[in-house]
Protein backbone atom coordinates (compact mmCIF):
# COMPACT_ATOMS: atom_id res chain seq x y z
CA UNK A 1 0.00 0.00 0.00
CA UNK A 2 1.51 3.31 -1.00
CA UNK A 3 1.73 6.24 1.35
CA UNK A 4 -0.97 8.13 -0.56
CA UNK A 5 -3.52 5.32 -0.34
CA UNK A 6 -2.69 4.77 3.33
CA UNK A 7 -3.23 8.47 4.03
CA UNK A 8 -6.53 8.43 2.13
CA UNK A 9 -7.63 5.30 4.00
CA UNK A 10 -6.82 6.79 7.40
CA UNK A 11 -8.49 10.08 6.51
CA UNK A 12 -11.63 8.11 5.57
CA UNK A 13 -11.60 6.34 8.94
CA UNK A 14 -11.14 9.71 10.66
CA UNK A 15 -14.01 11.24 8.65
CA UNK A 16 -16.33 8.33 9.53
CA UNK A 17 -15.41 8.64 13.19
CA UNK A 18 -16.05 12.37 13.08
CA UNK A 19 -19.42 11.80 11.44
CA UNK A 20 -20.31 9.34 14.21
CA UNK A 21 -19.36 11.98 16.76
CA UNK A 22 -21.53 14.56 15.03
CA UNK A 23 -24.49 12.17 15.06
CA UNK A 24 -23.89 11.41 18.74
CA UNK A 25 -23.83 15.13 19.49
CA UNK A 26 -27.07 15.66 17.56
CA UNK A 27 -28.67 12.80 19.53
CA UNK A 28 -27.43 14.39 22.79
CA UNK A 29 -25.60 11.23 23.91
CA UNK A 30 -23.27 11.20 26.88
CA UNK A 31 -19.49 10.74 26.63
CA UNK A 32 -19.70 6.94 26.54
CA UNK A 33 -22.27 6.98 23.73
CA UNK A 34 -20.19 9.57 21.87
CA UNK A 35 -17.07 7.39 22.07
CA UNK A 36 -18.86 4.16 21.15
CA UNK A 37 -20.62 5.68 18.16
CA UNK A 38 -17.44 7.37 16.94
CA UNK A 39 -15.31 4.24 17.26
CA UNK A 40 -17.89 1.91 15.75
CA UNK A 41 -18.57 4.16 12.78
CA UNK A 42 -14.86 4.79 12.17
CA UNK A 43 -13.74 1.17 12.35
CA UNK A 44 -16.92 -0.22 10.82
CA UNK A 45 -16.43 1.92 7.74
CA UNK A 46 -12.88 0.63 7.35
CA UNK A 47 -13.92 -2.99 7.77
CA UNK A 48 -16.75 -2.67 5.23
CA UNK A 49 -14.60 -0.73 2.76
CA UNK A 50 -11.89 -3.40 2.47
CA UNK A 51 -14.01 -6.15 0.83
CA UNK A 52 -15.76 -3.62 -1.41
CA UNK A 53 -12.42 -2.42 -2.76
CA UNK A 54 -11.08 -5.98 -3.11
CA UNK A 55 -8.22 -5.33 -0.70
CA UNK A 56 -6.89 -7.58 2.00
CA UNK A 57 -9.03 -8.41 5.01
CA UNK A 58 -8.55 -6.00 7.94
CA UNK A 59 -8.00 -8.95 10.31
CA UNK A 60 -5.38 -11.74 10.10
PDB file of N, CA and C in Angstrom:
ATOM      1  N   UNK A   1       0.849  -1.164   0.000  1.00  0.00           N
ATOM      2  CA  UNK A   1       0.000   0.000   0.000  1.00  0.00           C
ATOM      3  C   UNK A   1       0.905   1.240   0.000  1.00  0.00           C
ATOM      4  N   UNK A   2       0.669   2.120  -0.934  1.00  0.00           N
ATOM      5  CA  UNK A   2       1.507   3.313  -1.002  1.00  0.00           C
ATOM      6  C   UNK A   2       1.127   4.284   0.108  1.00  0.00           C
ATOM      7  N   UNK A   3       1.969   5.243   0.297  1.00  0.00           N
ATOM      8  CA  UNK A   3       1.734   6.240   1.347  1.00  0.00           C
ATOM      9  C   UNK A   3       0.477   7.065   1.060  1.00  0.00           C
ATOM     10  N   UNK A   4       0.216   7.342  -0.211  1.00  0.00           N
ATOM     11  CA  UNK A   4      -0.969   8.128  -0.559  1.00  0.00           C
ATOM     12  C   UNK A   4      -2.250   7.358  -0.244  1.00  0.00           C
ATOM     13  N   UNK A   5      -2.309   6.092  -0.625  1.00  0.00           N
ATOM     14  CA  UNK A   5      -3.520   5.321  -0.345  1.00  0.00           C
ATOM     15  C   UNK A   5      -3.692   5.084   1.147  1.00  0.00           C
ATOM     16  N   UNK A   6      -2.601   4.923   1.872  1.00  0.00           N
ATOM     17  CA  UNK A   6      -2.687   4.771   3.327  1.00  0.00           C
ATOM     18  C   UNK A   6      -3.220   6.051   3.961  1.00  0.00           C
ATOM     19  N   UNK A   7      -2.742   7.190   3.489  1.00  0.00           N
ATOM     20  CA  UNK A   7      -3.231   8.472   4.025  1.00  0.00           C
ATOM     21  C   UNK A   7      -4.707   8.669   3.696  1.00  0.00           C
ATOM     22  N   UNK A   8      -5.115   8.312   2.490  1.00  0.00           N
ATOM     23  CA  UNK A   8      -6.531   8.427   2.129  1.00  0.00           C
ATOM     24  C   UNK A   8      -7.389   7.468   2.961  1.00  0.00           C
ATOM     25  N   UNK A   9      -6.895   6.272   3.200  1.00  0.00           N
ATOM     26  CA  UNK A   9      -7.630   5.303   4.003  1.00  0.00           C
ATOM     27  C   UNK A   9      -7.799   5.813   5.434  1.00  0.00           C
ATOM     28  N   UNK A  10      -6.737   6.294   6.030  1.00  0.00           N
ATOM     29  CA  UNK A  10      -6.817   6.794   7.400  1.00  0.00           C
ATOM     30  C   UNK A  10      -7.666   8.055   7.497  1.00  0.00           C
ATOM     31  N   UNK A  11      -7.638   8.897   6.480  1.00  0.00           N
ATOM     32  CA  UNK A  11      -8.494  10.085   6.508  1.00  0.00           C
ATOM     33  C   UNK A  11      -9.961   9.690   6.377  1.00  0.00           C
ATOM     34  N   UNK A  12     -10.257   8.615   5.652  1.00  0.00           N
ATOM     35  CA  UNK A  12     -11.627   8.112   5.567  1.00  0.00           C
ATOM     36  C   UNK A  12     -12.112   7.566   6.903  1.00  0.00           C
ATOM     37  N   UNK A  13     -11.247   6.849   7.605  1.00  0.00           N
ATOM     38  CA  UNK A  13     -11.600   6.343   8.936  1.00  0.00           C
ATOM     39  C   UNK A  13     -11.837   7.516   9.884  1.00  0.00           C
ATOM     40  N   UNK A  14     -10.981   8.528   9.816  1.00  0.00           N
ATOM     41  CA  UNK A  14     -11.142   9.715  10.661  1.00  0.00           C
ATOM     42  C   UNK A  14     -12.451  10.438  10.336  1.00  0.00           C
ATOM     43  N   UNK A  15     -12.774  10.553   9.053  1.00  0.00           N
ATOM     44  CA  UNK A  15     -14.010  11.236   8.655  1.00  0.00           C
ATOM     45  C   UNK A  15     -15.236  10.465   9.135  1.00  0.00           C
ATOM     46  N   UNK A  16     -15.208   9.133   9.034  1.00  0.00           N
ATOM     47  CA  UNK A  16     -16.331   8.331   9.527  1.00  0.00           C
ATOM     48  C   UNK A  16     -16.465   8.446  11.036  1.00  0.00           C
ATOM     49  N   UNK A  17     -15.360   8.460  11.747  1.00  0.00           N
ATOM     50  CA  UNK A  17     -15.408   8.642  13.193  1.00  0.00           C
ATOM     51  C   UNK A  17     -15.945  10.005  13.581  1.00  0.00           C
ATOM     52  N   UNK A  18     -15.543  11.015  12.827  1.00  0.00           N
ATOM     53  CA  UNK A  18     -16.054  12.371  13.080  1.00  0.00           C
ATOM     54  C   UNK A  18     -17.550  12.444  12.810  1.00  0.00           C
ATOM     55  N   UNK A  19     -17.989  11.815  11.747  1.00  0.00           N
ATOM     56  CA  UNK A  19     -19.418  11.795  11.441  1.00  0.00           C
ATOM     57  C   UNK A  19     -20.201  11.092  12.553  1.00  0.00           C
ATOM     58  N   UNK A  20     -19.665  10.004  13.074  1.00  0.00           N
ATOM     59  CA  UNK A  20     -20.306   9.338  14.206  1.00  0.00           C
ATOM     60  C   UNK A  20     -20.385  10.237  15.418  1.00  0.00           C
ATOM     61  N   UNK A  21     -19.342  11.022  15.654  1.00  0.00           N
ATOM     62  CA  UNK A  21     -19.357  11.980  16.757  1.00  0.00           C
ATOM     63  C   UNK A  21     -20.388  13.075  16.558  1.00  0.00           C
ATOM     64  N   UNK A  22     -20.527  13.535  15.335  1.00  0.00           N
ATOM     65  CA  UNK A  22     -21.533  14.563  15.035  1.00  0.00           C
ATOM     66  C   UNK A  22     -22.940  14.020  15.262  1.00  0.00           C
ATOM     67  N   UNK A  23     -23.174  12.783  14.832  1.00  0.00           N
ATOM     68  CA  UNK A  23     -24.486  12.173  15.061  1.00  0.00           C
ATOM     69  C   UNK A  23     -24.753  11.951  16.545  1.00  0.00           C
ATOM     70  N   UNK A  24     -23.728  11.581  17.300  1.00  0.00           N
ATOM     71  CA  UNK A  24     -23.892  11.405  18.739  1.00  0.00           C
ATOM     72  C   UNK A  24     -24.203  12.739  19.403  1.00  0.00           C
ATOM     73  N   UNK A  25     -23.564  13.792  18.938  1.00  0.00           N
ATOM     74  CA  UNK A  25     -23.825  15.126  19.485  1.00  0.00           C
ATOM     75  C   UNK A  25     -25.253  15.568  19.168  1.00  0.00           C
ATOM     76  N   UNK A  26     -25.714  15.287  17.944  1.00  0.00           N
ATOM     77  CA  UNK A  26     -27.071  15.661  17.561  1.00  0.00           C
ATOM     78  C   UNK A  26     -28.109  14.873  18.355  1.00  0.00           C
ATOM     79  N   UNK A  27     -27.754  13.631  18.743  1.00  0.00           N
ATOM     80  CA  UNK A  27     -28.670  12.801  19.530  1.00  0.00           C
ATOM     81  C   UNK A  27     -28.554  13.080  21.029  1.00  0.00           C
ATOM     82  N   UNK A  28     -27.651  13.991  21.395  1.00  0.00           N
ATOM     83  CA  UNK A  28     -27.431  14.388  22.793  1.00  0.00           C
ATOM     84  C   UNK A  28     -27.028  13.206  23.666  1.00  0.00           C
ATOM     85  N   UNK A  29     -26.102  12.372  23.148  1.00  0.00           N
ATOM     86  CA  UNK A  29     -25.605  11.231  23.910  1.00  0.00           C
ATOM     87  C   UNK A  29     -24.541  11.689  24.897  1.00  0.00           C
ATOM     88  N   UNK A  30     -24.313  10.886  25.923  1.00  0.00           N
ATOM     89  CA  UNK A  30     -23.268  11.201  26.885  1.00  0.00           C
ATOM     90  C   UNK A  30     -21.896  10.830  26.306  1.00  0.00           C
ATOM     91  N   UNK A  31     -20.854  10.977  27.115  1.00  0.00           N
ATOM     92  CA  UNK A  31     -19.492  10.736  26.631  1.00  0.00           C
ATOM     93  C   UNK A  31     -19.300   9.297  26.173  1.00  0.00           C
ATOM     94  N   UNK A  32     -19.840   8.345  26.910  1.00  0.00           N
ATOM     95  CA  UNK A  32     -19.701   6.939  26.537  1.00  0.00           C
ATOM     96  C   UNK A  32     -20.365   6.665  25.185  1.00  0.00           C
ATOM     97  N   UNK A  33     -21.574   7.156  25.003  1.00  0.00           N
ATOM     98  CA  UNK A  33     -22.267   6.985  23.726  1.00  0.00           C
ATOM     99  C   UNK A  33     -21.536   7.658  22.589  1.00  0.00           C
ATOM    100  N   UNK A  34     -20.977   8.837  22.864  1.00  0.00           N
ATOM    101  CA  UNK A  34     -20.193   9.568  21.872  1.00  0.00           C
ATOM    102  C   UNK A  34     -18.992   8.747  21.427  1.00  0.00           C
ATOM    103  N   UNK A  35     -18.263   8.183  22.392  1.00  0.00           N
ATOM    104  CA  UNK A  35     -17.074   7.394  22.065  1.00  0.00           C
ATOM    105  C   UNK A  35     -17.435   6.108  21.330  1.00  0.00           C
ATOM    106  N   UNK A  36     -18.466   5.416  21.799  1.00  0.00           N
ATOM    107  CA  UNK A  36     -18.858   4.159  21.153  1.00  0.00           C
ATOM    108  C   UNK A  36     -19.301   4.410  19.720  1.00  0.00           C
ATOM    109  N   UNK A  37     -20.136   5.397  19.509  1.00  0.00           N
ATOM    110  CA  UNK A  37     -20.622   5.680  18.163  1.00  0.00           C
ATOM    111  C   UNK A  37     -19.491   6.136  17.245  1.00  0.00           C
ATOM    112  N   UNK A  38     -18.583   6.941  17.754  1.00  0.00           N
ATOM    113  CA  UNK A  38     -17.439   7.375  16.943  1.00  0.00           C
ATOM    114  C   UNK A  38     -16.519   6.232  16.567  1.00  0.00           C
ATOM    115  N   UNK A  39     -16.216   5.358  17.525  1.00  0.00           N
ATOM    116  CA  UNK A  39     -15.313   4.238  17.256  1.00  0.00           C
ATOM    117  C   UNK A  39     -15.966   3.222  16.325  1.00  0.00           C
ATOM    118  N   UNK A  40     -17.214   2.900  16.582  1.00  0.00           N
ATOM    119  CA  UNK A  40     -17.894   1.910  15.749  1.00  0.00           C
ATOM    120  C   UNK A  40     -18.044   2.406  14.316  1.00  0.00           C
ATOM    121  N   UNK A  41     -18.408   3.660  14.144  1.00  0.00           N
ATOM    122  CA  UNK A  41     -18.566   4.165  12.779  1.00  0.00           C
ATOM    123  C   UNK A  41     -17.217   4.292  12.069  1.00  0.00           C
ATOM    124  N   UNK A  42     -16.174   4.675  12.784  1.00  0.00           N
ATOM    125  CA  UNK A  42     -14.856   4.788  12.170  1.00  0.00           C
ATOM    126  C   UNK A  42     -14.287   3.453  11.761  1.00  0.00           C
ATOM    127  N   UNK A  43     -14.290   2.491  12.666  1.00  0.00           N
ATOM    128  CA  UNK A  43     -13.740   1.174  12.349  1.00  0.00           C
ATOM    129  C   UNK A  43     -14.665   0.373  11.456  1.00  0.00           C
ATOM    130  N   UNK A  44     -15.963   0.508  11.659  1.00  0.00           N
ATOM    131  CA  UNK A  44     -16.915  -0.217  10.820  1.00  0.00           C
ATOM    132  C   UNK A  44     -16.807   0.182   9.367  1.00  0.00           C
ATOM    133  N   UNK A  45     -16.604   1.462   9.111  1.00  0.00           N
ATOM    134  CA  UNK A  45     -16.428   1.921   7.735  1.00  0.00           C
ATOM    135  C   UNK A  45     -15.184   1.332   7.099  1.00  0.00           C
ATOM    136  N   UNK A  46     -14.109   1.219   7.879  1.00  0.00           N
ATOM    137  CA  UNK A  46     -12.883   0.630   7.349  1.00  0.00           C
ATOM    138  C   UNK A  46     -13.023  -0.851   7.076  1.00  0.00           C
ATOM    139  N   UNK A  47     -13.736  -1.555   7.947  1.00  0.00           N
ATOM    140  CA  UNK A  47     -13.921  -2.995   7.765  1.00  0.00           C
ATOM    141  C   UNK A  47     -14.819  -3.273   6.566  1.00  0.00           C
ATOM    142  N   UNK A  48     -15.858  -2.471   6.372  1.00  0.00           N
ATOM    143  CA  UNK A  48     -16.748  -2.671   5.228  1.00  0.00           C
ATOM    144  C   UNK A  48     -16.120  -2.229   3.916  1.00  0.00           C
ATOM    145  N   UNK A  49     -15.215  -1.245   3.969  1.00  0.00           N
ATOM    146  CA  UNK A  49     -14.603  -0.729   2.755  1.00  0.00           C
ATOM    147  C   UNK A  49     -13.615  -1.722   2.150  1.00  0.00           C
ATOM    148  N   UNK A  50     -12.924  -2.493   2.965  1.00  0.00           N
ATOM    149  CA  UNK A  50     -11.892  -3.398   2.469  1.00  0.00           C
ATOM    150  C   UNK A  50     -12.432  -4.443   1.486  1.00  0.00           C
ATOM    151  N   UNK A  51     -13.502  -5.180   1.821  1.00  0.00           N
ATOM    152  CA  UNK A  51     -14.010  -6.145   0.834  1.00  0.00           C
ATOM    153  C   UNK A  51     -14.600  -5.484  -0.411  1.00  0.00           C
ATOM    154  N   UNK A  52     -15.173  -4.313  -0.245  1.00  0.00           N
ATOM    155  CA  UNK A  52     -15.764  -3.625  -1.408  1.00  0.00           C
ATOM    156  C   UNK A  52     -14.693  -3.174  -2.388  1.00  0.00           C
ATOM    157  N   UNK A  53     -13.509  -2.872  -1.890  1.00  0.00           N
ATOM    158  CA  UNK A  53     -12.417  -2.419  -2.756  1.00  0.00           C
ATOM    159  C   UNK A  53     -11.507  -3.569  -3.157  1.00  0.00           C
ATOM    160  N   UNK A  54     -11.860  -4.781  -2.792  1.00  0.00           N
ATOM    161  CA  UNK A  54     -11.078  -5.984  -3.108  1.00  0.00           C
ATOM    162  C   UNK A  54      -9.658  -5.902  -2.555  1.00  0.00           C
ATOM    163  N   UNK A  55      -9.525  -5.363  -1.357  1.00  0.00           N
ATOM    164  CA  UNK A  55      -8.215  -5.333  -0.702  1.00  0.00           C
ATOM    165  C   UNK A  55      -8.167  -6.432   0.334  1.00  0.00           C
ATOM    166  N   UNK A  56      -7.063  -6.543   0.998  1.00  0.00           N
ATOM    167  CA  UNK A  56      -6.893  -7.582   1.999  1.00  0.00           C
ATOM    168  C   UNK A  56      -7.860  -7.382   3.163  1.00  0.00           C
ATOM    169  N   UNK A  57      -8.150  -8.481   3.850  1.00  0.00           N
ATOM    170  CA  UNK A  57      -9.029  -8.410   5.015  1.00  0.00           C
ATOM    171  C   UNK A  57      -8.369  -7.556   6.093  1.00  0.00           C
ATOM    172  N   UNK A  58      -9.147  -6.818   6.884  1.00  0.00           N
ATOM    173  CA  UNK A  58      -8.549  -5.997   7.945  1.00  0.00           C
ATOM    174  C   UNK A  58      -8.144  -6.793   9.171  1.00  0.00           C
ATOM    175  N   UNK A  59      -8.399  -8.095   9.198  1.00  0.00           N
ATOM    176  CA  UNK A  59      -7.997  -8.953  10.307  1.00  0.00           C
ATOM    177  C   UNK A  59      -7.122 -10.068   9.752  1.00  0.00           C
ATOM    178  N   UNK A  60      -6.300 -10.698  10.593  1.00  0.00           N
ATOM    179  CA  UNK A  60      -5.378 -11.743  10.104  1.00  0.00           C
ATOM    180  C   UNK A  60      -6.055 -12.976   9.584  1.00  0.00           C
TER     181      UNK A  60
END
